[in-house]
Each structure stands twice: as structure tokens, then as C-alpha cells.
Amino acid sequence: MESVARPLGKVGGATNGKHEREGCGYFQMPLHYPRYTQSDYESMPEWKLNCLLTQYGLPVTGDVDHKRKFAMGAFLWPH
């Protein structure tokens, strides 16, 4: 699995207001766990899957079916 962290850059000569480390990126865990159902994931557009996976630092590779299966495996819990 490849890293998704990127170095934070400067926008217009000023820092972007986040914690910036020289040449290093960091991951900040989102506060809430996604609350989607299996049917939500099955109908979710690819751009939304990409945003969700990126937000949680997960790989955004493969076709839309692969991303859906990956998201369901990562975020759905068996009852």
C-alpha cells in the first residue's frame, strides 16, 4: 500500500494555516466514522468514493467496483 501523505505547501507565499512541517506531510484522522450502508456504497459515485478513501488515508486505486468493495470491507461491520 502506498502512502497518501503529501507535504503541505504554501499558497500565495503564505502558509495554508495547518501545521506545516518542512518537507513532511502528516495524516489527521477524521473525527467521525462513516455511517453509510451497503446500499449507499453500491450507489455511491466514484468521485465520492475517492473523497472518502482519501479522507481516511486509504488507497484510491483500481476501478469503481474495486473501490466500492474496498470501502465496504473497510467501513462496514458485520452484525
C-alpha atoms as a PDB file:
ATOM      1  CA  MET A   1       0.000   0.000   0.000  1.00  0.00           C
ATOM      2  CA  GLU A   2       1.429   3.356  -0.961  1.00  0.00           C
ATOM      3  CA  SER A   3       1.403   6.413   1.255  1.00  0.00           C
ATOM      4  CA  VAL A   4      -1.135   9.144   0.664  1.00  0.00           C
ATOM      5  CA  ALA A   5       0.600  11.797   2.791  1.00  0.00           C
ATOM      6  CA  ARG A   6       1.842  14.842   0.932  1.00  0.00           C
ATOM      7  CA  PRO A   7       3.960  17.722   2.070  1.00  0.00           C
ATOM      8  CA  LEU A   8       1.927  20.786   2.884  1.00  0.00           C
ATOM      9  CA  GLY A   9       2.748  23.671   0.651  1.00  0.00           C
ATOM     10  CA  LYS A  10       2.460  27.413   0.704  1.00  0.00           C
ATOM     11  CA  VAL A  11      -0.369  29.131  -1.119  1.00  0.00           C
ATOM     12  CA  GLY A  12       0.393  32.580  -2.473  1.00  0.00           C
ATOM     13  CA  GLY A  13       3.532  32.889  -0.367  1.00  0.00           C
ATOM     14  CA  ALA A  14       1.707  32.250   2.916  1.00  0.00           C
ATOM     15  CA  THR A  15       1.178  29.037   4.830  1.00  0.00           C
ATOM     16  CA  ASN A  16      -2.199  27.381   4.493  1.00  0.00           C
ATOM     17  CA  GLY A  17      -2.959  27.640   8.219  1.00  0.00           C
ATOM     18  CA  LYS A  18      -2.369  23.962   9.070  1.00  0.00           C
ATOM     19  CA  HIS A  19       0.516  22.511  10.998  1.00  0.00           C
ATOM     20  CA  GLU A  20       3.318  22.614   8.496  1.00  0.00           C
ATOM     21  CA  ARG A  21       6.486  20.585   8.731  1.00  0.00           C
ATOM     22  CA  GLU A  22       9.407  21.250   6.465  1.00  0.00           C
ATOM     23  CA  GLY A  23       9.237  18.647   3.680  1.00  0.00           C
ATOM     24  CA  CYS A  24       6.951  16.249   5.601  1.00  0.00           C
ATOM     25  CA  GLY A  25       3.254  15.507   5.345  1.00  0.00           C
ATOM     26  CA  TYR A  26       1.017  14.134   8.029  1.00  0.00           C
ATOM     27  CA  PHE A  27      -2.295  12.316   8.378  1.00  0.00           C
ATOM     28  CA  GLN A  28      -5.056  13.554  10.638  1.00  0.00           C
ATOM     29  CA  MET A  29      -7.784  11.003  11.400  1.00  0.00           C
ATOM     30  CA  PRO A  30     -11.280  12.338  10.707  1.00  0.00           C
ATOM     31  CA  LEU A  31     -13.433  12.744  13.804  1.00  0.00           C
ATOM     32  CA  HIS A  32     -16.340  10.598  12.627  1.00  0.00           C
ATOM     33  CA  TYR A  33     -16.522   7.071  11.267  1.00  0.00           C
ATOM     34  CA  PRO A  34     -18.514   6.941   8.016  1.00  0.00           C
ATOM     35  CA  ARG A  35     -22.137   5.892   8.543  1.00  0.00           C
ATOM     36  CA  TYR A  36     -23.057   4.562   5.124  1.00  0.00           C
ATOM     37  CA  THR A  37     -24.997   1.376   4.471  1.00  0.00           C
ATOM     38  CA  GLN A  38     -24.074  -1.264   1.926  1.00  0.00           C
ATOM     39  CA  SER A  39     -26.682   0.127  -0.480  1.00  0.00           C
ATOM     40  CA  ASP A  40     -25.140   3.615  -0.034  1.00  0.00           C
ATOM     41  CA  TYR A  41     -21.742   2.260  -1.094  1.00  0.00           C
ATOM     42  CA  GLU A  42     -23.254   0.334  -4.011  1.00  0.00           C
ATOM     43  CA  SER A  43     -24.840   3.504  -5.444  1.00  0.00           C
ATOM     44  CA  MET A  44     -22.093   5.976  -4.412  1.00  0.00           C
ATOM     45  CA  PRO A  45     -20.483   7.816  -7.351  1.00  0.00           C
ATOM     46  CA  GLU A  46     -16.774   7.268  -7.922  1.00  0.00           C
ATOM     47  CA  TRP A  47     -15.804  10.843  -7.003  1.00  0.00           C
ATOM     48  CA  LYS A  48     -17.436  10.436  -3.587  1.00  0.00           C
ATOM     49  CA  LEU A  49     -15.673   7.093  -3.020  1.00  0.00           C
ATOM     50  CA  ASN A  50     -12.366   8.778  -3.929  1.00  0.00           C
ATOM     51  CA  CYS A  51     -13.009  11.580  -1.423  1.00  0.00           C
ATOM     52  CA  LEU A  52     -13.972   9.139   1.328  1.00  0.00           C
ATOM     53  CA  LEU A  53     -10.962   6.877   0.824  1.00  0.00           C
ATOM     54  CA  THR A  54      -8.581   9.844   0.594  1.00  0.00           C
ATOM     55  CA  GLN A  55     -10.034  11.372   3.764  1.00  0.00           C
ATOM     56  CA  TYR A  56      -9.164   8.209   5.688  1.00  0.00           C
ATOM     57  CA  GLY A  57      -5.721   7.817   4.119  1.00  0.00           C
ATOM     58  CA  LEU A  58      -6.687   4.710   2.155  1.00  0.00           C
ATOM     59  CA  PRO A  59      -5.509   3.887  -1.374  1.00  0.00           C
ATOM     60  CA  VAL A  60      -7.588   5.290  -4.236  1.00  0.00           C
ATOM     61  CA  THR A  61      -6.613   2.835  -6.965  1.00  0.00           C
ATOM     62  CA  GLY A  62      -8.482   0.488  -9.266  1.00  0.00           C
ATOM     63  CA  ASP A  63     -11.840   0.788 -10.958  1.00  0.00           C
ATOM     64  CA  VAL A  64     -15.031   1.927  -9.269  1.00  0.00           C
ATOM     65  CA  ASP A  65     -16.117  -1.640  -8.417  1.00  0.00           C
ATOM     66  CA  HIS A  66     -12.790  -2.297  -6.684  1.00  0.00           C
ATOM     67  CA  LYS A  67     -13.112   0.967  -4.717  1.00  0.00           C
ATOM     68  CA  ARG A  68     -16.673   0.081  -3.658  1.00  0.00           C
ATOM     69  CA  LYS A  69     -15.617  -3.368  -2.427  1.00  0.00           C
ATOM     70  CA  PHE A  70     -12.612  -1.888  -0.626  1.00  0.00           C
ATOM     71  CA  ALA A  71     -14.744   0.789   1.091  1.00  0.00           C
ATOM     72  CA  MET A  72     -17.361  -1.771   2.150  1.00  0.00           C
ATOM     73  CA  GLY A  73     -14.650  -4.043   3.526  1.00  0.00           C
ATOM     74  CA  ALA A  74     -13.005  -1.185   5.406  1.00  0.00           C
ATOM     75  CA  PHE A  75     -16.084   0.557   6.804  1.00  0.00           C
ATOM     76  CA  LEU A  76     -18.938  -1.958   7.102  1.00  0.00           C
ATOM     77  CA  TRP A  77     -19.009  -4.126  10.196  1.00  0.00           C
ATOM     78  CA  PRO A  78     -20.780  -7.494  10.222  1.00  0.00           C
ATOM     79  CA  HIS A  79     -23.640  -7.670  12.707  1.00  0.00           C
END
